[in-house]
Structures are given as C-alpha cells and as structure tokens.
C-alpha cells in the first residue's frame, strides 16, 4: 500500500460523532463514558446524547468529539466493540 492509499480520507482534527448501541442496562452509559474518557480526557457530558428505543429494550448513545487522529478513532472503536454491553458502534 502506498502512502497516499494509507492516508485517511478525513482531515484531523475534526468533529466526529460515534453512535453506540446496546441493550438497555444501568451501566451502559457509564461504561461508554469511561471508554471515551480514556481516549478523550476533555470529554464533557454535553457531548453525550442518550436515546432509548421505543420499547426501552435498547439504548443508543451518540458521543460527538473533536477527533485528533485516525489512530484515536480506531482505538475507541476497538475498545467499544470489545465491551460486552456494546452491540454495535458506528
């Protein structure tokens, strides 16, 4: 792969929203927040939006951050995907 093929299509830093879905659980939001704080220490509560599904069985959390690099985003997605409460991260 050449350097130009390996480069990200995004320019950093940039505003980036991550959507995380999981079954509704009392610890879901706090677990997601802890993961993000490891990668984005300046994260504020105003950057986190939580929405429950119609029947309340699932929750969607959208976290909007100022992404600094593709590596940072990759590490966030890897950690989110590995967590047992997370069904999907987009």
N, C-alpha and C. Protein backbone atom coordinates (compact mmCIF):
# COMPACT_ATOMS: atom_id res chain seq x y z
N UNK A 1 0.85 -1.17 0.00
CA UNK A 1 0.00 0.00 0.00
C UNK A 1 0.90 1.24 0.00
N UNK A 2 0.60 2.17 -0.85
CA UNK A 2 1.40 3.40 -0.91
C UNK A 2 0.97 4.35 0.20
N UNK A 3 1.77 5.38 0.45
CA UNK A 3 1.44 6.36 1.48
C UNK A 3 0.11 7.04 1.17
N UNK A 4 -0.14 7.34 -0.09
CA UNK A 4 -1.39 8.02 -0.44
C UNK A 4 -2.60 7.10 -0.23
N UNK A 5 -2.43 5.80 -0.44
CA UNK A 5 -3.53 4.86 -0.20
C UNK A 5 -3.77 4.67 1.29
N UNK A 6 -2.72 4.80 2.08
CA UNK A 6 -2.79 4.58 3.51
C UNK A 6 -3.33 5.79 4.27
N UNK A 7 -3.38 6.95 3.66
CA UNK A 7 -3.86 8.15 4.32
C UNK A 7 -5.37 8.10 4.52
N UNK A 8 -5.79 8.71 5.61
CA UNK A 8 -7.21 8.80 5.92
C UNK A 8 -7.88 9.78 4.96
N UNK A 9 -9.15 9.55 4.69
CA UNK A 9 -9.92 10.48 3.87
C UNK A 9 -10.34 11.72 4.66
N UNK A 10 -10.21 11.63 5.99
CA UNK A 10 -10.59 12.75 6.85
C UNK A 10 -9.36 13.58 7.20
N UNK A 11 -9.61 14.84 7.48
CA UNK A 11 -8.55 15.72 7.94
C UNK A 11 -8.75 15.95 9.43
N UNK A 12 -7.68 15.84 10.17
CA UNK A 12 -7.75 15.98 11.63
C UNK A 12 -7.05 17.26 12.05
N UNK A 13 -7.50 17.84 13.16
CA UNK A 13 -8.63 17.45 13.99
C UNK A 13 -9.96 17.78 13.30
N UNK A 14 -11.00 17.04 13.69
CA UNK A 14 -12.32 17.27 13.13
C UNK A 14 -13.39 16.81 14.12
N UNK A 15 -14.58 17.38 13.99
CA UNK A 15 -15.70 16.95 14.81
C UNK A 15 -16.18 15.61 14.27
N UNK A 16 -16.40 14.65 15.17
CA UNK A 16 -16.76 13.31 14.74
C UNK A 16 -17.76 12.71 15.73
N UNK A 17 -18.86 12.18 15.22
CA UNK A 17 -19.87 11.55 16.06
C UNK A 17 -19.77 10.03 16.01
N UNK A 18 -19.79 9.42 17.18
CA UNK A 18 -19.76 7.96 17.28
C UNK A 18 -21.09 7.53 17.89
N UNK A 19 -21.77 6.59 17.22
CA UNK A 19 -23.05 6.10 17.73
C UNK A 19 -22.83 4.69 18.27
N UNK A 20 -23.25 4.48 19.52
CA UNK A 20 -23.05 3.21 20.19
C UNK A 20 -24.42 2.67 20.58
N UNK A 21 -24.68 1.40 20.24
CA UNK A 21 -25.96 0.79 20.57
C UNK A 21 -25.75 -0.43 21.46
N UNK A 22 -26.68 -0.59 22.39
CA UNK A 22 -26.61 -1.74 23.29
C UNK A 22 -27.96 -1.97 23.94
N UNK A 23 -28.09 -3.12 24.60
CA UNK A 23 -29.30 -3.38 25.36
C UNK A 23 -29.33 -2.42 26.53
N UNK A 24 -30.52 -1.95 26.88
CA UNK A 24 -30.64 -1.03 27.99
C UNK A 24 -30.16 -1.71 29.26
N UNK A 25 -29.23 -1.06 29.94
CA UNK A 25 -28.61 -1.59 31.15
C UNK A 25 -28.19 -0.40 32.00
N UNK A 26 -28.30 -0.53 33.30
CA UNK A 26 -27.98 0.60 34.18
C UNK A 26 -26.53 1.09 34.05
N UNK A 27 -25.62 0.22 33.62
CA UNK A 27 -24.21 0.59 33.49
C UNK A 27 -23.78 0.99 32.08
N UNK A 28 -24.69 0.88 31.11
CA UNK A 28 -24.31 1.09 29.71
C UNK A 28 -23.71 2.47 29.48
N UNK A 29 -24.41 3.52 29.89
CA UNK A 29 -23.92 4.88 29.64
C UNK A 29 -22.60 5.14 30.35
N UNK A 30 -22.48 4.72 31.60
CA UNK A 30 -21.24 4.99 32.34
C UNK A 30 -20.06 4.21 31.74
N UNK A 31 -20.29 3.00 31.26
CA UNK A 31 -19.20 2.22 30.63
C UNK A 31 -18.72 2.90 29.35
N UNK A 32 -19.65 3.38 28.55
CA UNK A 32 -19.29 4.08 27.31
C UNK A 32 -18.50 5.34 27.65
N UNK A 33 -18.96 6.08 28.65
CA UNK A 33 -18.28 7.31 29.05
C UNK A 33 -16.85 7.02 29.52
N UNK A 34 -16.66 5.98 30.30
CA UNK A 34 -15.32 5.61 30.80
C UNK A 34 -14.39 5.30 29.63
N UNK A 35 -14.90 4.57 28.64
CA UNK A 35 -14.08 4.24 27.47
C UNK A 35 -13.66 5.52 26.75
N UNK A 36 -14.61 6.41 26.53
CA UNK A 36 -14.28 7.66 25.83
C UNK A 36 -13.30 8.52 26.63
N UNK A 37 -13.46 8.56 27.94
CA UNK A 37 -12.56 9.38 28.75
C UNK A 37 -11.11 8.90 28.68
N UNK A 38 -10.91 7.62 28.44
CA UNK A 38 -9.54 7.12 28.27
C UNK A 38 -8.88 7.70 27.02
N UNK A 39 -9.69 7.97 26.02
CA UNK A 39 -9.18 8.45 24.73
C UNK A 39 -9.39 9.94 24.50
N UNK A 40 -10.37 10.51 25.22
CA UNK A 40 -10.71 11.93 25.09
C UNK A 40 -10.90 12.48 26.51
N UNK A 41 -9.80 12.76 27.21
CA UNK A 41 -9.90 13.18 28.61
C UNK A 41 -10.72 14.45 28.84
N UNK A 42 -10.82 15.29 27.82
CA UNK A 42 -11.56 16.55 27.97
C UNK A 42 -13.05 16.41 27.65
N UNK A 43 -13.54 15.17 27.49
CA UNK A 43 -14.94 14.92 27.17
C UNK A 43 -15.86 15.53 28.22
N UNK A 44 -16.92 16.18 27.76
CA UNK A 44 -17.91 16.79 28.65
C UNK A 44 -19.25 16.10 28.47
N UNK A 45 -20.07 16.14 29.51
CA UNK A 45 -21.38 15.49 29.46
C UNK A 45 -22.25 16.02 28.32
N UNK A 46 -22.05 17.28 27.93
CA UNK A 46 -22.86 17.88 26.86
C UNK A 46 -22.57 17.23 25.50
N UNK A 47 -21.48 16.49 25.41
CA UNK A 47 -21.10 15.82 24.15
C UNK A 47 -21.73 14.43 24.04
N UNK A 48 -22.50 14.04 25.05
CA UNK A 48 -23.10 12.70 25.09
C UNK A 48 -24.62 12.83 25.04
N UNK A 49 -25.22 12.14 24.08
CA UNK A 49 -26.68 12.13 23.95
C UNK A 49 -27.15 10.68 24.03
N UNK A 50 -28.15 10.42 24.87
CA UNK A 50 -28.66 9.07 25.07
C UNK A 50 -30.13 9.04 24.65
N UNK A 51 -30.47 7.98 23.92
CA UNK A 51 -31.85 7.81 23.47
C UNK A 51 -32.26 6.35 23.63
N UNK A 52 -33.41 6.10 24.20
CA UNK A 52 -33.92 4.74 24.35
C UNK A 52 -34.79 4.38 23.15
N UNK A 53 -34.85 3.09 22.84
CA UNK A 53 -35.72 2.63 21.76
C UNK A 53 -37.17 2.78 22.19
N UNK A 54 -38.07 2.61 21.25
CA UNK A 54 -39.49 2.76 21.52
C UNK A 54 -39.99 1.94 22.69
N UNK A 55 -39.56 0.71 22.78
CA UNK A 55 -39.99 -0.18 23.87
C UNK A 55 -39.03 -0.14 25.05
N UNK A 56 -37.93 0.59 24.90
CA UNK A 56 -36.99 0.73 26.00
C UNK A 56 -36.03 -0.44 26.17
N UNK A 57 -36.02 -1.38 25.23
CA UNK A 57 -35.13 -2.54 25.35
C UNK A 57 -33.69 -2.22 24.96
N UNK A 58 -33.52 -1.22 24.12
CA UNK A 58 -32.20 -0.85 23.63
C UNK A 58 -31.96 0.63 23.85
N UNK A 59 -30.69 0.99 23.93
CA UNK A 59 -30.30 2.39 24.07
C UNK A 59 -29.28 2.73 22.99
N UNK A 60 -29.35 3.96 22.53
CA UNK A 60 -28.36 4.47 21.58
C UNK A 60 -27.70 5.68 22.22
N UNK A 61 -26.39 5.68 22.19
CA UNK A 61 -25.63 6.80 22.73
C UNK A 61 -24.82 7.39 21.58
N UNK A 62 -24.94 8.69 21.40
CA UNK A 62 -24.12 9.39 20.42
C UNK A 62 -23.15 10.29 21.16
N UNK A 63 -21.86 10.09 20.88
CA UNK A 63 -20.82 10.89 21.51
C UNK A 63 -20.12 11.66 20.39
N UNK A 64 -20.14 12.97 20.50
CA UNK A 64 -19.51 13.82 19.49
C UNK A 64 -18.23 14.39 20.09
N UNK A 65 -17.12 14.09 19.42
CA UNK A 65 -15.81 14.51 19.93
C UNK A 65 -15.06 15.32 18.88
N UNK A 66 -14.01 15.95 19.32
CA UNK A 66 -13.06 16.59 18.42
C UNK A 66 -11.95 15.54 18.21
N UNK A 67 -12.08 14.75 17.15
CA UNK A 67 -11.13 13.67 16.89
C UNK A 67 -9.79 14.25 16.47
N UNK A 68 -8.72 13.70 17.04
CA UNK A 68 -7.38 14.19 16.78
C UNK A 68 -6.63 13.39 15.72
N UNK A 69 -7.02 12.09 15.55
CA UNK A 69 -6.31 11.25 14.60
C UNK A 69 -7.14 10.01 14.28
N UNK A 70 -6.79 9.35 13.19
CA UNK A 70 -7.43 8.10 12.83
C UNK A 70 -7.10 7.04 13.88
N UNK A 71 -5.89 7.08 14.40
CA UNK A 71 -5.49 6.12 15.44
C UNK A 71 -6.37 6.25 16.68
N UNK A 72 -6.67 7.47 17.08
CA UNK A 72 -7.55 7.70 18.23
C UNK A 72 -8.92 7.07 17.98
N UNK A 73 -9.49 7.33 16.81
CA UNK A 73 -10.80 6.76 16.48
C UNK A 73 -10.75 5.24 16.44
N UNK A 74 -9.71 4.69 15.83
CA UNK A 74 -9.57 3.24 15.77
C UNK A 74 -9.54 2.64 17.16
N UNK A 75 -8.78 3.25 18.06
CA UNK A 75 -8.67 2.73 19.42
C UNK A 75 -9.99 2.80 20.18
N UNK A 76 -10.75 3.87 19.96
CA UNK A 76 -12.08 3.98 20.57
C UNK A 76 -12.98 2.87 20.06
N UNK A 77 -13.02 2.66 18.75
CA UNK A 77 -13.88 1.62 18.18
C UNK A 77 -13.47 0.22 18.64
N UNK A 78 -12.18 -0.03 18.74
CA UNK A 78 -11.70 -1.34 19.19
C UNK A 78 -12.17 -1.61 20.61
N UNK A 79 -12.01 -0.62 21.47
CA UNK A 79 -12.40 -0.81 22.87
C UNK A 79 -13.92 -0.92 23.02
N UNK A 80 -14.66 -0.09 22.30
CA UNK A 80 -16.13 -0.18 22.36
C UNK A 80 -16.61 -1.55 21.87
N UNK A 81 -16.08 -2.00 20.75
CA UNK A 81 -16.52 -3.27 20.16
C UNK A 81 -16.22 -4.47 21.05
N UNK A 82 -15.20 -4.35 21.88
CA UNK A 82 -14.83 -5.45 22.76
C UNK A 82 -15.66 -5.50 24.04
N UNK A 83 -16.39 -4.43 24.32
CA UNK A 83 -17.14 -4.38 25.58
C UNK A 83 -18.44 -5.20 25.47
N UNK A 84 -18.72 -5.95 26.51
CA UNK A 84 -19.88 -6.86 26.49
C UNK A 84 -21.23 -6.16 26.42
N UNK A 85 -21.33 -4.93 26.87
CA UNK A 85 -22.60 -4.22 26.81
C UNK A 85 -22.87 -3.55 25.48
N UNK A 86 -21.85 -3.45 24.64
CA UNK A 86 -21.97 -2.78 23.35
C UNK A 86 -22.34 -3.80 22.27
N UNK A 87 -23.45 -3.55 21.59
CA UNK A 87 -23.86 -4.42 20.48
C UNK A 87 -23.26 -3.95 19.17
N UNK A 88 -23.14 -2.60 19.02
CA UNK A 88 -22.64 -2.06 17.76
C UNK A 88 -22.13 -0.65 17.99
N UNK A 89 -21.06 -0.31 17.27
CA UNK A 89 -20.53 1.05 17.29
C UNK A 89 -20.34 1.50 15.86
N UNK A 90 -20.93 2.63 15.52
CA UNK A 90 -20.87 3.17 14.16
C UNK A 90 -20.20 4.54 14.17
